[in-house]
């Protein structure tokens, strides 16, 4: 993973920026930084430093009013805001199910994924894999969520592994939430995000992300209403389990560079111990 090279190039490009022209040059440097991270995405997809850089770039682009395209490209027109007089309030953009119903005239569809046991993976497509995936692997990596599971051997010398750590990143959404990180390890299932908060922060739709302890030290539920998603993290014995109910639109919001997701494609072929037919 060459994310450190991208970081160094960005620092070098912005170190001496001063004065009224800083804005344009700073946005140019951010776009170059973003391009560098995209080019290294395939080799860095399991690296938390890489994902932190990607989210940091998004925040800086918003804070500095930078466009994702160079200044020569015409700006994309903003979609017209729904008229509150027709029964749709501004904050409803942070209520995914209500927003979807308003736009499409029907409730959204949902997909389910779970990781548990040896670990076993039940994918969004209902495939069932038993994996030997020691180390860290992404369960999800899309425009809204990054979920990484870390597995370790059941016992020294054993081929069987169990999930011993889960890291979940809720990527920032301008109207709804600040970026939030949740991390669980064996015998440590906190009922709060890493920053100590239990919701999405001070933004208008911050309450659309919440964390709740269902069973102390054993079961935590995270509801992300702004993307129509619910996540459960549990500990049973000496292993963690993960399950998610995600809106179809959210589950499919990823690029070609984000191709390794156990919830989408299951275990890599070389790591599969068994696979059931659909």
Protein backbone atom coordinates (compact mmCIF):
# COMPACT_ATOMS: atom_id res chain seq x y z
CA UNK A 1 0.00 0.00 0.00
CA UNK A 2 1.47 3.34 -1.09
CA UNK A 3 -0.84 5.67 0.85
CA UNK A 4 2.16 7.23 2.65
CA UNK A 5 3.50 8.38 -0.73
CA UNK A 6 0.16 10.05 -1.49
CA UNK A 7 0.23 11.72 1.93
CA UNK A 8 3.78 13.02 1.39
CA UNK A 9 2.99 14.42 -2.06
CA UNK A 10 -0.07 16.24 -0.66
CA UNK A 11 1.91 17.75 2.24
CA UNK A 12 4.66 18.91 -0.15
CA UNK A 13 2.09 20.50 -2.48
CA UNK A 14 0.31 22.45 0.28
CA UNK A 15 3.13 23.30 2.69
CA UNK A 16 3.86 26.77 1.35
CA UNK A 17 0.40 27.81 0.16
CA UNK A 18 -0.49 31.29 1.43
CA UNK A 19 -2.53 34.31 0.49
CA UNK A 20 -5.65 34.83 -1.67
CA UNK A 21 -4.59 32.33 -4.34
CA UNK A 22 -4.39 29.52 -1.77
CA UNK A 23 -7.96 28.39 -2.43
CA UNK A 24 -7.50 27.41 -6.08
CA UNK A 25 -4.11 25.75 -5.51
CA UNK A 26 -5.37 23.96 -2.41
CA UNK A 27 -8.33 22.49 -4.31
CA UNK A 28 -5.97 21.38 -7.10
CA UNK A 29 -3.76 19.65 -4.52
CA UNK A 30 -6.80 17.93 -2.99
CA UNK A 31 -7.92 16.63 -6.38
CA UNK A 32 -4.41 15.26 -7.02
CA UNK A 33 -4.43 13.68 -3.56
CA UNK A 34 -7.81 12.08 -4.29
CA UNK A 35 -6.55 10.74 -7.65
CA UNK A 36 -3.49 9.25 -5.93
CA UNK A 37 -5.66 7.42 -3.38
CA UNK A 38 -7.90 6.04 -6.14
CA UNK A 39 -4.88 4.68 -8.00
CA UNK A 40 -3.69 2.85 -4.90
CA UNK A 41 -7.17 1.72 -3.78
CA UNK A 42 -6.77 -1.91 -4.88
CA UNK A 43 -3.66 -2.54 -2.78
CA UNK A 44 -4.81 -0.38 0.17
CA UNK A 45 -8.43 -1.52 0.57
CA UNK A 46 -7.77 -3.21 3.93
CA UNK A 47 -5.64 -0.36 5.32
CA UNK A 48 -7.39 1.93 7.82
CA UNK A 49 -4.88 4.74 7.15
CA UNK A 50 -6.00 4.66 3.51
CA UNK A 51 -9.69 4.91 4.43
CA UNK A 52 -8.98 7.72 6.90
CA UNK A 53 -7.20 9.64 4.12
CA UNK A 54 -10.12 9.14 1.71
CA UNK A 55 -12.65 10.43 4.24
CA UNK A 56 -10.35 13.30 5.22
CA UNK A 57 -10.13 14.40 1.58
CA UNK A 58 -13.93 14.37 1.31
CA UNK A 59 -14.23 16.58 4.40
CA UNK A 60 -11.59 19.05 3.17
CA UNK A 61 -13.23 19.26 -0.26
CA UNK A 62 -16.53 20.19 1.40
CA UNK A 63 -14.98 22.64 3.88
CA UNK A 64 -13.07 24.47 1.13
CA UNK A 65 -15.90 24.35 -1.41
CA UNK A 66 -13.75 22.43 -3.91
CA UNK A 67 -15.31 20.78 -6.93
CA UNK A 68 -14.31 17.21 -7.75
CA UNK A 69 -13.63 18.26 -11.34
CA UNK A 70 -11.09 20.90 -12.44
CA UNK A 71 -12.36 24.46 -12.74
CA UNK A 72 -12.60 24.11 -16.54
CA UNK A 73 -15.40 21.60 -16.16
CA UNK A 74 -18.90 23.08 -15.87
CA UNK A 75 -20.43 22.53 -12.42
CA UNK A 76 -23.09 19.87 -12.17
CA UNK A 77 -26.54 21.33 -11.61
CA UNK A 78 -27.96 20.74 -8.14
CA UNK A 79 -31.22 18.78 -8.05
CA UNK A 80 -34.18 20.86 -7.07
CA UNK A 81 -35.01 20.59 -3.38
CA UNK A 82 -38.35 18.89 -2.64
CA UNK A 83 -41.07 21.33 -1.77
CA UNK A 84 -41.94 21.17 1.93
CA UNK A 85 -45.46 22.24 1.04
CA UNK A 86 -45.93 18.86 -0.62
CA UNK A 87 -45.27 17.04 2.62
CA UNK A 88 -41.52 16.54 2.46
CA UNK A 89 -39.43 18.38 5.05
CA UNK A 90 -35.76 19.24 4.54
CA UNK A 91 -34.58 16.91 7.33
CA UNK A 92 -36.32 13.94 5.72
CA UNK A 93 -33.20 13.49 3.57
CA UNK A 94 -31.80 11.85 6.73
CA UNK A 95 -34.73 9.42 6.90
CA UNK A 96 -33.85 7.04 4.08
CA UNK A 97 -37.04 4.96 4.09
CA UNK A 98 -39.34 7.99 4.09
CA UNK A 99 -37.24 9.72 1.43
CA UNK A 100 -37.26 6.61 -0.78
CA UNK A 101 -41.02 6.23 -0.44
CA UNK A 102 -41.48 9.91 -1.36
CA UNK A 103 -39.27 9.60 -4.47
CA UNK A 104 -40.36 6.18 -5.74
CA UNK A 105 -43.86 5.64 -4.36
CA UNK A 106 -42.88 2.35 -2.70
CA UNK A 107 -40.76 1.17 0.26
CA UNK A 108 -37.11 0.30 -0.42
CA UNK A 109 -35.84 -3.26 -0.75
CA UNK A 110 -33.26 -4.61 1.68
CA UNK A 111 -30.35 -7.05 1.64
CA UNK A 112 -28.85 -9.03 4.51
CA UNK A 113 -25.32 -10.21 5.28
CA UNK A 114 -23.87 -11.99 8.30
CA UNK A 115 -20.43 -13.14 9.43
CA UNK A 116 -20.15 -15.58 12.33
CA UNK A 117 -18.45 -18.72 13.53
CA UNK A 118 -15.41 -20.17 11.72
CA UNK A 119 -16.09 -17.59 10.10
CA UNK A 120 -19.13 -18.35 8.00
CA UNK A 121 -20.26 -15.66 5.55
CA UNK A 122 -23.82 -15.26 4.31
CA UNK A 123 -23.57 -12.83 1.41
CA UNK A 124 -26.11 -10.31 0.12
CA UNK A 125 -26.77 -12.79 -2.71
CA UNK A 126 -27.61 -15.57 -0.17
CA UNK A 127 -24.43 -17.55 -0.87
CA UNK A 128 -22.98 -19.28 2.17
CA UNK A 129 -19.20 -19.63 2.53
CA UNK A 130 -16.96 -20.99 5.26
CA UNK A 131 -13.67 -19.15 5.10
CA UNK A 132 -10.13 -19.41 6.29
CA UNK A 133 -9.28 -15.73 6.38
CA UNK A 134 -6.70 -15.02 9.03
CA UNK A 135 -5.92 -11.30 9.31
CA UNK A 136 -8.08 -8.32 8.33
CA UNK A 137 -10.62 -8.42 5.50
CA UNK A 138 -13.31 -5.95 4.38
CA UNK A 139 -16.87 -7.17 4.81
CA UNK A 140 -18.15 -3.94 3.22
CA UNK A 141 -16.48 -1.07 1.40
CA UNK A 142 -18.93 1.27 -0.31
CA UNK A 143 -19.85 4.94 -0.53
CA UNK A 144 -21.47 4.92 2.92
CA UNK A 145 -19.82 2.20 5.02
CA UNK A 146 -16.52 0.47 5.59
CA UNK A 147 -16.58 -2.67 7.74
CA UNK A 148 -13.41 -4.64 8.45
CA UNK A 149 -13.29 -7.97 10.28
CA UNK A 150 -10.10 -9.31 11.83
CA UNK A 151 -9.84 -13.07 12.26
CA UNK A 152 -7.41 -15.14 14.30
CA UNK A 153 -6.89 -18.90 14.74
CA UNK A 154 -9.12 -20.73 17.19
CA UNK A 155 -5.98 -22.33 18.62
CA UNK A 156 -2.30 -22.35 17.75
CA UNK A 157 -1.71 -24.43 14.62
CA UNK A 158 -5.42 -24.62 13.76
CA UNK A 159 -6.74 -23.86 10.26
CA UNK A 160 -10.07 -22.68 11.72
CA UNK A 161 -10.36 -18.97 12.49
CA UNK A 162 -12.89 -16.81 14.33
CA UNK A 163 -13.66 -13.10 14.20
CA UNK A 164 -11.85 -11.35 17.05
CA UNK A 165 -12.24 -7.68 16.05
CA UNK A 166 -14.67 -5.55 14.05
CA UNK A 167 -14.13 -1.98 12.80
CA UNK A 168 -17.08 -0.08 11.32
CA UNK A 169 -16.74 3.35 9.69
CA UNK A 170 -19.86 5.38 8.94
CA UNK A 171 -18.70 7.85 6.29
CA UNK A 172 -19.75 11.45 6.71
CA UNK A 173 -22.86 12.75 4.98
CA UNK A 174 -22.98 16.53 4.73
CA UNK A 175 -26.58 17.00 5.89
CA UNK A 176 -26.81 14.08 8.29
CA UNK A 177 -23.76 12.83 10.20
CA UNK A 178 -20.11 13.37 10.99
CA UNK A 179 -17.83 10.44 10.25
CA UNK A 180 -18.12 7.91 13.08
CA UNK A 181 -15.98 4.88 13.90
CA UNK A 182 -17.12 1.90 15.99
CA UNK A 183 -14.67 -0.77 17.09
CA UNK A 184 -15.42 -4.00 18.96
CA UNK A 185 -13.00 -6.63 20.24
CA UNK A 186 -13.42 -9.80 22.26
CA UNK A 187 -14.66 -8.90 25.75
CA UNK A 188 -15.01 -5.26 24.71
CA UNK A 189 -18.28 -4.30 22.97
CA UNK A 190 -18.60 -0.60 23.78
CA UNK A 191 -22.00 1.10 23.69
CA UNK A 192 -20.49 4.20 22.05
CA UNK A 193 -18.43 5.25 19.04
CA UNK A 194 -14.68 5.75 19.38
CA UNK A 195 -15.12 9.45 20.18
CA UNK A 196 -17.46 8.60 23.07
CA UNK A 197 -20.64 9.75 21.30
CA UNK A 198 -23.79 7.69 20.82
CA UNK A 199 -25.19 9.46 17.75
CA UNK A 200 -24.16 11.07 14.46
CA UNK A 201 -22.99 14.37 15.92
CA UNK A 202 -24.15 17.98 15.78
CA UNK A 203 -25.36 18.07 12.17
CA UNK A 204 -29.12 18.57 11.65
CA UNK A 205 -29.70 14.86 11.04
CA UNK A 206 -27.30 13.63 13.72
CA UNK A 207 -30.02 11.64 15.48
CA UNK A 208 -30.39 9.47 12.35
CA UNK A 209 -27.35 7.47 13.53
CA UNK A 210 -27.62 5.90 16.98
CA UNK A 211 -26.02 3.13 19.00
CA UNK A 212 -27.81 1.04 21.60
CA UNK A 213 -26.69 -1.70 23.97
CA UNK A 214 -29.14 -4.59 23.75
CA UNK A 215 -27.27 -6.85 26.19
CA UNK A 216 -24.35 -5.42 28.22
CA UNK A 217 -21.05 -6.63 26.78
CA UNK A 218 -22.81 -9.08 24.46
CA UNK A 219 -25.01 -7.31 21.91
CA UNK A 220 -24.84 -3.82 20.41
CA UNK A 221 -27.19 -2.48 17.73
CA UNK A 222 -26.38 0.48 15.49
CA UNK A 223 -29.21 2.09 13.54
CA UNK A 224 -28.28 4.29 10.57
CA UNK A 225 -31.67 5.61 9.52
CA UNK A 226 -30.14 8.05 7.02
CA UNK A 227 -29.07 5.07 4.86
CA UNK A 228 -31.81 2.61 5.86
CA UNK A 229 -29.34 0.30 7.59
CA UNK A 230 -29.21 -1.61 10.88
CA UNK A 231 -26.09 -3.40 12.16
CA UNK A 232 -25.81 -5.86 15.05
CA UNK A 233 -22.53 -6.83 16.72
CA UNK A 234 -22.58 -9.74 19.16
CA UNK A 235 -20.15 -11.81 21.21
CA UNK A 236 -20.93 -15.48 21.78
CA UNK A 237 -18.26 -17.46 23.59
CA UNK A 238 -14.82 -16.46 22.27
CA UNK A 239 -15.95 -15.00 18.95
CA UNK A 240 -17.69 -11.96 17.51
CA UNK A 241 -20.47 -11.95 14.96
CA UNK A 242 -21.69 -9.26 12.58
CA UNK A 243 -25.02 -8.87 10.80
CA UNK A 244 -26.41 -6.10 8.64
CA UNK A 245 -29.73 -5.20 7.03
CA UNK A 246 -28.93 -2.64 4.35
CA UNK A 247 -31.04 -0.87 1.77
CA UNK A 248 -30.36 -2.37 -1.69
CA UNK A 249 -29.30 1.01 -3.06
CA UNK A 250 -26.74 1.38 -0.25
CA UNK A 251 -25.39 -2.18 -0.57
CA UNK A 252 -24.71 -1.59 -4.30
CA UNK A 253 -23.07 1.85 -3.98
CA UNK A 254 -19.46 0.96 -4.74
CA UNK A 255 -16.92 1.27 -7.56
CA UNK A 256 -14.76 -1.27 -9.40
CA UNK A 257 -11.86 -0.45 -7.07
CA UNK A 258 -13.97 -1.60 -4.11
CA UNK A 259 -14.28 -5.13 -5.46
CA UNK A 260 -13.16 -7.07 -2.38
CA UNK A 261 -16.14 -7.20 -0.03
CA UNK A 262 -16.98 -10.48 1.69
CA UNK A 263 -20.66 -9.46 2.00
CA UNK A 264 -20.82 -8.93 -1.77
CA UNK A 265 -18.61 -11.61 -3.32
CA UNK A 266 -18.01 -13.96 -0.41
CA UNK A 267 -14.57 -15.27 0.48
CA UNK A 268 -11.82 -15.20 -2.14
CA UNK A 269 -11.69 -18.59 -3.85
CA UNK A 270 -8.36 -19.50 -2.31
CA UNK A 271 -9.78 -18.90 1.17
CA UNK A 272 -13.01 -20.90 0.82
CA UNK A 273 -13.34 -24.09 2.84
CA UNK A 274 -16.83 -24.85 1.54
CA UNK A 275 -19.61 -23.23 -0.39
CA UNK A 276 -23.27 -24.08 -0.66
CA UNK A 277 -25.20 -23.76 -3.93
CA UNK A 278 -27.73 -20.98 -4.17
